[in-house]
């Protein structure tokens, strides 16, 4: 997370960006497929009336900020699409036909 040390409202250690990572996994028989995405989400400035001090933040609070600011269903659909593309690729990169394995 990124924080401002002090704001104009005299609030201290105010979170303004949360760096996040989301992962998905699918097990199909003896094969496990994995996908991951990550990013950074800006957090609106709090008012003094609803400010949670940095030391009192919990994972649940911060995840709540992210879930209210982001479309989690779209992110999860993207992860599912990444896994589906691993299972059934739409394109592949083949080795050059004139190259041998001895090089």
Protein backbone atom coordinates (compact mmCIF):
# COMPACT_ATOMS: atom_id res chain seq x y z
CA UNK A 1 0.00 0.00 0.00
CA UNK A 2 1.02 3.60 -0.46
CA UNK A 3 0.22 6.17 2.20
CA UNK A 4 0.34 9.92 2.68
CA UNK A 5 2.17 10.73 5.93
CA UNK A 6 -0.20 13.63 6.67
CA UNK A 7 -3.21 15.15 4.89
CA UNK A 8 -4.75 18.62 4.92
CA UNK A 9 -7.30 17.26 7.42
CA UNK A 10 -4.40 16.33 9.77
CA UNK A 11 -4.99 12.62 9.22
CA UNK A 12 -1.83 10.52 9.33
CA UNK A 13 -0.74 7.51 7.29
CA UNK A 14 -3.66 7.71 4.87
CA UNK A 15 -3.75 4.89 2.32
CA UNK A 16 -4.23 6.16 -1.23
CA UNK A 17 -3.21 3.12 -3.31
CA UNK A 18 -3.57 -0.59 -2.70
CA UNK A 19 -1.44 -3.01 -4.71
CA UNK A 20 -3.32 -6.25 -5.21
CA UNK A 21 -2.92 -9.74 -6.67
CA UNK A 22 -5.63 -12.28 -7.51
CA UNK A 23 -5.06 -15.91 -8.44
CA UNK A 24 -7.13 -18.80 -9.76
CA UNK A 25 -6.47 -22.49 -9.93
CA UNK A 26 -8.29 -25.35 -11.62
CA UNK A 27 -7.49 -29.01 -11.13
CA UNK A 28 -8.40 -31.30 -14.00
CA UNK A 29 -7.43 -34.89 -13.25
CA UNK A 30 -3.71 -34.93 -12.58
CA UNK A 31 -3.13 -31.50 -14.18
CA UNK A 32 -3.31 -28.18 -12.30
CA UNK A 33 -3.89 -24.94 -14.20
CA UNK A 34 -2.94 -21.59 -12.68
CA UNK A 35 -3.64 -17.96 -13.58
CA UNK A 36 -2.75 -14.69 -11.89
CA UNK A 37 -3.34 -11.00 -12.32
CA UNK A 38 -2.28 -7.98 -10.32
CA UNK A 39 -2.64 -4.23 -10.25
CA UNK A 40 -2.95 -1.11 -8.16
CA UNK A 41 -6.20 0.53 -7.12
CA UNK A 42 -6.57 4.15 -6.05
CA UNK A 43 -8.49 4.63 -2.84
CA UNK A 44 -10.65 7.74 -2.32
CA UNK A 45 -9.55 10.14 0.38
CA UNK A 46 -11.39 9.49 3.63
CA UNK A 47 -13.24 12.10 5.59
CA UNK A 48 -12.18 12.59 9.20
CA UNK A 49 -15.53 11.07 10.23
CA UNK A 50 -14.92 7.68 8.55
CA UNK A 51 -11.14 7.41 8.82
CA UNK A 52 -9.61 4.17 10.07
CA UNK A 53 -6.12 4.66 11.48
CA UNK A 54 -3.43 2.72 9.65
CA UNK A 55 -2.61 0.58 12.68
CA UNK A 56 -6.28 -0.49 12.88
CA UNK A 57 -6.58 -1.61 9.25
CA UNK A 58 -7.33 -5.28 8.70
CA UNK A 59 -7.17 -7.44 5.62
CA UNK A 60 -10.99 -7.50 5.58
CA UNK A 61 -11.20 -3.69 5.57
CA UNK A 62 -8.71 -3.30 2.72
CA UNK A 63 -10.33 -6.11 0.70
CA UNK A 64 -13.66 -4.33 1.19
CA UNK A 65 -12.18 -1.17 -0.32
CA UNK A 66 -10.95 -3.15 -3.31
CA UNK A 67 -14.22 -5.04 -3.81
CA UNK A 68 -16.20 -1.79 -3.74
CA UNK A 69 -13.85 -0.12 -6.25
CA UNK A 70 -13.30 -3.02 -8.67
CA UNK A 71 -15.44 -5.43 -10.68
CA UNK A 72 -14.23 -8.69 -9.11
CA UNK A 73 -16.49 -10.79 -11.37
CA UNK A 74 -14.75 -9.39 -14.45
CA UNK A 75 -11.33 -10.11 -12.94
CA UNK A 76 -12.38 -13.68 -12.10
CA UNK A 77 -13.74 -14.17 -15.64
CA UNK A 78 -10.40 -13.01 -17.03
CA UNK A 79 -8.56 -15.52 -14.83
CA UNK A 80 -10.89 -18.29 -16.01
CA UNK A 81 -10.22 -17.25 -19.63
CA UNK A 82 -6.44 -17.41 -19.00
CA UNK A 83 -6.81 -20.96 -17.72
CA UNK A 84 -9.05 -21.95 -20.62
CA UNK A 85 -6.44 -20.57 -23.04
CA UNK A 86 -3.78 -22.70 -21.34
CA UNK A 87 -5.98 -25.78 -21.70
CA UNK A 88 -6.99 -25.02 -25.29
CA UNK A 89 -4.53 -22.54 -26.83
CA UNK A 90 -5.75 -20.55 -29.81
CA UNK A 91 -2.19 -20.06 -31.06
CA UNK A 92 1.12 -21.82 -30.55
CA UNK A 93 4.77 -21.11 -31.29
CA UNK A 94 6.42 -23.99 -33.10
CA UNK A 95 10.19 -24.42 -33.33
CA UNK A 96 11.80 -23.41 -36.61
CA UNK A 97 11.66 -26.43 -38.92
CA UNK A 98 15.31 -26.08 -40.00
CA UNK A 99 16.62 -26.06 -36.42
CA UNK A 100 17.74 -29.33 -34.88
CA UNK A 101 17.80 -30.31 -31.24
CA UNK A 102 21.61 -30.61 -31.36
CA UNK A 103 22.20 -26.87 -31.22
